[in-house]
PDB file of N, CA and C in Angstrom:
ATOM      1  N   UNK A   1      85.699  55.138 179.254  1.00  0.00           N
ATOM      2  CA  UNK A   1      86.642  54.729 178.248  1.00  0.00           C
ATOM      3  C   UNK A   1      87.357  55.962 177.717  1.00  0.00           C
ATOM      4  N   UNK A   2      88.619  55.817 177.444  1.00  0.00           N
ATOM      5  CA  UNK A   2      89.355  56.944 176.880  1.00  0.00           C
ATOM      6  C   UNK A   2      88.883  57.211 175.461  1.00  0.00           C
ATOM      7  N   UNK A   3      89.132  58.408 174.977  1.00  0.00           N
ATOM      8  CA  UNK A   3      88.622  58.830 173.676  1.00  0.00           C
ATOM      9  C   UNK A   3      89.042  57.957 172.505  1.00  0.00           C
ATOM     10  N   UNK A   4      90.340  57.776 172.305  1.00  0.00           N
ATOM     11  CA  UNK A   4      90.836  57.037 171.145  1.00  0.00           C
ATOM     12  C   UNK A   4      90.393  55.583 171.104  1.00  0.00           C
ATOM     13  N   UNK A   5      90.670  54.809 172.168  1.00  0.00           N
ATOM     14  CA  UNK A   5      90.257  53.408 172.161  1.00  0.00           C
ATOM     15  C   UNK A   5      88.738  53.226 172.106  1.00  0.00           C
ATOM     16  N   UNK A   6      87.994  54.138 172.724  1.00  0.00           N
ATOM     17  CA  UNK A   6      86.532  54.038 172.693  1.00  0.00           C
ATOM     18  C   UNK A   6      85.981  54.246 171.296  1.00  0.00           C
ATOM     19  N   UNK A   7      86.553  55.213 170.584  1.00  0.00           N
ATOM     20  CA  UNK A   7      86.108  55.467 169.214  1.00  0.00           C
ATOM     21  C   UNK A   7      86.500  54.303 168.308  1.00  0.00           C
ATOM     22  N   UNK A   8      87.698  53.765 168.512  1.00  0.00           N
ATOM     23  CA  UNK A   8      88.135  52.617 167.717  1.00  0.00           C
ATOM     24  C   UNK A   8      87.229  51.412 167.958  1.00  0.00           C
ATOM     25  N   UNK A   9      86.945  51.104 169.227  1.00  0.00           N
ATOM     26  CA  UNK A   9      86.076  49.971 169.543  1.00  0.00           C
ATOM     27  C   UNK A   9      84.683  50.176 168.960  1.00  0.00           C
ATOM     28  N   UNK A  10      84.164  51.387 169.051  1.00  0.00           N
ATOM     29  CA  UNK A  10      82.850  51.678 168.484  1.00  0.00           C
ATOM     30  C   UNK A  10      82.863  51.473 166.978  1.00  0.00           C
ATOM     31  N   UNK A  11      83.917  51.940 166.319  1.00  0.00           N
ATOM     32  CA  UNK A  11      84.024  51.759 164.875  1.00  0.00           C
ATOM     33  C   UNK A  11      84.066  50.297 164.472  1.00  0.00           C
ATOM     34  N   UNK A  12      84.812  49.501 165.231  1.00  0.00           N
ATOM     35  CA  UNK A  12      84.892  48.069 164.941  1.00  0.00           C
ATOM     36  C   UNK A  12      83.532  47.415 165.112  1.00  0.00           C
ATOM     37  N   UNK A  13      82.871  47.689 166.220  1.00  0.00           N
ATOM     38  CA  UNK A  13      81.546  47.101 166.456  1.00  0.00           C
ATOM     39  C   UNK A  13      80.546  47.531 165.384  1.00  0.00           C
ATOM     40  N   UNK A  14      80.551  48.814 165.043  1.00  0.00           N
ATOM     41  CA  UNK A  14      79.591  49.319 164.058  1.00  0.00           C
ATOM     42  C   UNK A  14      79.866  48.760 162.666  1.00  0.00           C
ATOM     43  N   UNK A  15      81.130  48.686 162.275  1.00  0.00           N
ATOM     44  CA  UNK A  15      81.462  48.121 160.964  1.00  0.00           C
ATOM     45  C   UNK A  15      81.114  46.638 160.894  1.00  0.00           C
ATOM     46  N   UNK A  16      81.422  45.901 161.947  1.00  0.00           N
ATOM     47  CA  UNK A  16      81.118  44.469 161.949  1.00  0.00           C
ATOM     48  C   UNK A  16      79.612  44.230 161.931  1.00  0.00           C
ATOM     49  N   UNK A  17      78.871  44.961 162.743  1.00  0.00           N
ATOM     50  CA  UNK A  17      77.421  44.801 162.767  1.00  0.00           C
ATOM     51  C   UNK A  17      76.780  45.160 161.443  1.00  0.00           C
ATOM     52  N   UNK A  18      77.251  46.240 160.818  1.00  0.00           N
ATOM     53  CA  UNK A  18      76.725  46.641 159.519  1.00  0.00           C
ATOM     54  C   UNK A  18      77.073  45.610 158.444  1.00  0.00           C
ATOM     55  N   UNK A  19      78.301  45.125 158.461  1.00  0.00           N
ATOM     56  CA  UNK A  19      78.711  44.100 157.507  1.00  0.00           C
ATOM     57  C   UNK A  19      77.921  42.816 157.669  1.00  0.00           C
ATOM     58  N   UNK A  20      77.673  42.441 158.899  1.00  0.00           N
ATOM     59  CA  UNK A  20      76.898  41.233 159.175  1.00  0.00           C
ATOM     60  C   UNK A  20      75.462  41.375 158.686  1.00  0.00           C
ATOM     61  N   UNK A  21      74.876  42.547 158.888  1.00  0.00           N
ATOM     62  CA  UNK A  21      73.529  42.792 158.369  1.00  0.00           C
ATOM     63  C   UNK A  21      73.507  42.765 156.839  1.00  0.00           C
ATOM     64  N   UNK A  22      74.506  43.364 156.216  1.00  0.00           N
ATOM     65  CA  UNK A  22      74.582  43.354 154.759  1.00  0.00           C
ATOM     66  C   UNK A  22      74.754  41.949 154.196  1.00  0.00           C
ATOM     67  N   UNK A  23      75.621  41.169 154.836  1.00  0.00           N
ATOM     68  CA  UNK A  23      75.845  39.791 154.400  1.00  0.00           C
ATOM     69  C   UNK A  23      74.569  38.964 154.533  1.00  0.00           C
ATOM     70  N   UNK A  24      73.895  39.102 155.646  1.00  0.00           N
ATOM     71  CA  UNK A  24      72.663  38.349 155.872  1.00  0.00           C
ATOM     72  C   UNK A  24      71.592  38.758 154.872  1.00  0.00           C
ATOM     73  N   UNK A  25      71.460  40.046 154.621  1.00  0.00           N
ATOM     74  CA  UNK A  25      70.479  40.515 153.644  1.00  0.00           C
ATOM     75  C   UNK A  25      70.773  40.010 152.245  1.00  0.00           C
ATOM     76  N   UNK A  26      72.044  40.015 151.852  1.00  0.00           N
ATOM     77  CA  UNK A  26      72.420  39.535 150.527  1.00  0.00           C
ATOM     78  C   UNK A  26      72.159  38.039 150.389  1.00  0.00           C
ATOM     79  N   UNK A  27      72.499  37.284 151.413  1.00  0.00           N
ATOM     80  CA  UNK A  27      72.249  35.836 151.372  1.00  0.00           C
ATOM     81  C   UNK A  27      70.761  35.528 151.375  1.00  0.00           C
ATOM     82  N   UNK A  28      70.007  36.228 152.180  1.00  0.00           N
ATOM     83  CA  UNK A  28      68.565  35.984 152.252  1.00  0.00           C
ATOM     84  C   UNK A  28      67.886  36.371 150.938  1.00  0.00           C
ATOM     85  N   UNK A  29      68.344  37.421 150.275  1.00  0.00           N
ATOM     86  CA  UNK A  29      67.751  37.847 149.006  1.00  0.00           C
ATOM     87  C   UNK A  29      67.997  36.819 147.907  1.00  0.00           C
ATOM     88  N   UNK A  30      69.173  36.171 147.955  1.00  0.00           N
ATOM     89  CA  UNK A  30      69.499  35.148 146.949  1.00  0.00           C
ATOM     90  C   UNK A  30      69.025  33.767 147.371  1.00  0.00           C
ATOM     91  N   UNK A  31      68.451  33.665 148.546  1.00  0.00           N
ATOM     92  CA  UNK A  31      68.045  32.385 149.146  1.00  0.00           C
ATOM     93  C   UNK A  31      69.237  31.441 149.296  1.00  0.00           C
ATOM     94  N   UNK A  32      70.388  32.014 149.550  1.00  0.00           N
ATOM     95  CA  UNK A  32      71.601  31.246 149.800  1.00  0.00           C
ATOM     96  C   UNK A  32      71.698  30.986 151.309  1.00  0.00           C
ATOM     97  N   UNK A  33      72.408  29.944 151.699  1.00  0.00           N
ATOM     98  CA  UNK A  33      72.553  29.694 153.135  1.00  0.00           C
ATOM     99  C   UNK A  33      73.353  30.807 153.817  1.00  0.00           C
ATOM    100  N   UNK A  34      72.888  31.215 154.962  1.00  0.00           N
ATOM    101  CA  UNK A  34      73.589  32.254 155.729  1.00  0.00           C
ATOM    102  C   UNK A  34      74.795  31.647 156.429  1.00  0.00           C
ATOM    103  N   UNK A  35      74.632  30.446 156.946  1.00  0.00           N
ATOM    104  CA  UNK A  35      75.714  29.711 157.587  1.00  0.00           C
ATOM    105  C   UNK A  35      75.706  28.285 157.049  1.00  0.00           C
ATOM    106  N   UNK A  36      76.860  27.767 156.753  1.00  0.00           N
ATOM    107  CA  UNK A  36      76.977  26.432 156.173  1.00  0.00           C
ATOM    108  C   UNK A  36      76.416  25.374 157.119  1.00  0.00           C
ATOM    109  N   UNK A  37      75.479  24.604 156.628  1.00  0.00           N
ATOM    110  CA  UNK A  37      74.929  23.488 157.388  1.00  0.00           C
ATOM    111  C   UNK A  37      73.882  23.854 158.415  1.00  0.00           C
ATOM    112  N   UNK A  38      73.416  25.092 158.424  1.00  0.00           N
ATOM    113  CA  UNK A  38      72.420  25.530 159.397  1.00  0.00           C
ATOM    114  C   UNK A  38      71.171  25.972 158.648  1.00  0.00           C
ATOM    115  N   UNK A  39      70.021  25.544 159.142  1.00  0.00           N
ATOM    116  CA  UNK A  39      68.765  25.948 158.497  1.00  0.00           C
ATOM    117  C   UNK A  39      68.604  27.463 158.565  1.00  0.00           C
ATOM    118  N   UNK A  40      68.078  28.085 157.489  1.00  0.00           N
ATOM    119  CA  UNK A  40      67.875  29.539 157.502  1.00  0.00           C
ATOM    120  C   UNK A  40      66.933  30.006 158.604  1.00  0.00           C
ATOM    121  N   UNK A  41      65.970  29.168 158.980  1.00  0.00           N
ATOM    122  CA  UNK A  41      65.042  29.555 160.041  1.00  0.00           C
ATOM    123  C   UNK A  41      65.746  29.713 161.386  1.00  0.00           C
ATOM    124  N   UNK A  42      66.890  29.074 161.547  1.00  0.00           N
ATOM    125  CA  UNK A  42      67.672  29.194 162.778  1.00  0.00           C
ATOM    126  C   UNK A  42      68.776  30.244 162.615  1.00  0.00           C
ATOM    127  N   UNK A  43      69.430  30.229 161.456  1.00  0.00           N
ATOM    128  CA  UNK A  43      70.602  31.079 161.253  1.00  0.00           C
ATOM    129  C   UNK A  43      70.252  32.560 161.182  1.00  0.00           C
ATOM    130  N   UNK A  44      69.205  32.905 160.450  1.00  0.00           N
ATOM    131  CA  UNK A  44      68.882  34.326 160.243  1.00  0.00           C
ATOM    132  C   UNK A  44      68.560  35.040 161.560  1.00  0.00           C
ATOM    133  N   UNK A  45      67.690  34.498 162.417  1.00  0.00           N
ATOM    134  CA  UNK A  45      67.449  35.213 163.685  1.00  0.00           C
ATOM    135  C   UNK A  45      68.693  35.329 164.566  1.00  0.00           C
ATOM    136  N   UNK A  46      69.527  34.285 164.580  1.00  0.00           N
ATOM    137  CA  UNK A  46      70.745  34.361 165.397  1.00  0.00           C
ATOM    138  C   UNK A  46      71.716  35.407 164.857  1.00  0.00           C
ATOM    139  N   UNK A  47      71.844  35.481 163.543  1.00  0.00           N
ATOM    140  CA  UNK A  47      72.732  36.479 162.944  1.00  0.00           C
ATOM    141  C   UNK A  47      72.181  37.888 163.173  1.00  0.00           C
ATOM    142  N   UNK A  48      70.877  38.046 163.056  1.00  0.00           N
ATOM    143  CA  UNK A  48      70.284  39.361 163.313  1.00  0.00           C
ATOM    144  C   UNK A  48      70.470  39.776 164.773  1.00  0.00           C
ATOM    145  N   UNK A  49      70.368  38.822 165.686  1.00  0.00           N
ATOM    146  CA  UNK A  49      70.612  39.117 167.100  1.00  0.00           C
ATOM    147  C   UNK A  49      72.069  39.531 167.322  1.00  0.00           C
ATOM    148  N   UNK A  50      72.994  38.812 166.701  1.00  0.00           N
ATOM    149  CA  UNK A  50      74.415  39.151 166.842  1.00  0.00           C
ATOM    150  C   UNK A  50      74.718  40.519 166.233  1.00  0.00           C
ATOM    151  N   UNK A  51      74.148  40.799 165.060  1.00  0.00           N
ATOM    152  CA  UNK A  51      74.382  42.101 164.421  1.00  0.00           C
ATOM    153  C   UNK A  51      73.784  43.226 165.251  1.00  0.00           C
ATOM    154  N   UNK A  52      72.597  43.026 165.770  1.00  0.00           N
ATOM    155  CA  UNK A  52      71.971  44.037 166.624  1.00  0.00           C
ATOM    156  C   UNK A  52      72.776  44.284 167.887  1.00  0.00           C
ATOM    157  N   UNK A  53      73.326  43.218 168.460  1.00  0.00           N
ATOM    158  CA  UNK A  53      74.165  43.356 169.649  1.00  0.00           C
ATOM    159  C   UNK A  53      75.425  44.157 169.330  1.00  0.00           C
ATOM    160  N   UNK A  54      76.044  43.870 168.192  1.00  0.00           N
ATOM    161  CA  UNK A  54      77.248  44.619 167.794  1.00  0.00           C
ATOM    162  C   UNK A  54      76.930  46.089 167.574  1.00  0.00           C
ATOM    163  N   UNK A  55      75.822  46.372 166.919  1.00  0.00           N
ATOM    164  CA  UNK A  55      75.444  47.768 166.695  1.00  0.00           C
ATOM    165  C   UNK A  55      75.147  48.476 168.017  1.00  0.00           C
ATOM    166  N   UNK A  56      74.469  47.789 168.927  1.00  0.00           N
ATOM    167  CA  UNK A  56      74.169  48.386 170.231  1.00  0.00           C
ATOM    168  C   UNK A  56      75.454  48.643 171.020  1.00  0.00           C
ATOM    169  N   UNK A  57      76.400  47.709 170.964  1.00  0.00           N
ATOM    170  CA  UNK A  57      77.678  47.920 171.654  1.00  0.00           C
ATOM    171  C   UNK A  57      78.452  49.078 171.040  1.00  0.00           C
ATOM    172  N   UNK A  58      78.396  49.226 169.726  1.00  0.00           N
ATOM    173  CA  UNK A  58      79.067  50.350 169.073  1.00  0.00           C
ATOM    174  C   UNK A  58      78.493  51.676 169.518  1.00  0.00           C
ATOM    175  N   UNK A  59      77.172  51.771 169.575  1.00  0.00           N
ATOM    176  CA  UNK A  59      76.537  52.999 170.034  1.00  0.00           C
ATOM    177  C   UNK A  59      76.865  53.246 171.502  1.00  0.00           C
ATOM    178  N   UNK A  60      76.861  52.197 172.300  1.00  0.00           N
ATOM    179  CA  UNK A  60      77.178  52.326 173.721  1.00  0.00           C
ATOM    180  C   UNK A  60      78.611  52.846 173.905  1.00  0.00           C
ATOM    181  N   UNK A  61      79.548  52.319 173.106  1.00  0.00           N
ATOM    182  CA  UNK A  61      80.939  52.792 173.190  1.00  0.00           C
ATOM    183  C   UNK A  61      81.053  54.265 172.831  1.00  0.00           C
ATOM    184  N   UNK A  62      80.284  54.693 171.845  1.00  0.00           N
ATOM    185  CA  UNK A  62      80.333  56.104 171.465  1.00  0.00           C
ATOM    186  C   UNK A  62      79.741  56.993 172.548  1.00  0.00           C
ATOM    187  N   UNK A  63      78.705  56.524 173.204  1.00  0.00           N
ATOM    188  CA  UNK A  63      78.067  57.323 174.249  1.00  0.00           C
ATOM    189  C   UNK A  63      78.871  57.374 175.538  1.00  0.00           C
ATOM    190  N   UNK A  64      79.729  56.375 175.775  1.00  0.00           N
ATOM    191  CA  UNK A  64      80.518  56.306 177.006  1.00  0.00           C
ATOM    192  C   UNK A  64      81.797  57.124 176.957  1.00  0.00           C
ATOM    193  N   UNK A  65      82.205  57.611 175.777  1.00  0.00           N
ATOM    194  CA  UNK A  65      83.503  58.286 175.706  1.00  0.00           C
ATOM    195  C   UNK A  65      83.456  59.659 176.268  1.00  0.00           C
TER     196      UNK A  65
END
């Protein structure tokens, strides 16, 4: 990946993954629903998987440049 686009993509993935983790943590701390109409026992692991994937892709983009 070229330098500029790779850094931009990494930044987007890292910001989104971090934001998703923060949102999930805030909702779980308040015992608020993470996703409308979805049980927390299902939503929290799926959101954590998605956030972890975004963070891993961000790190991968940074390492590939």
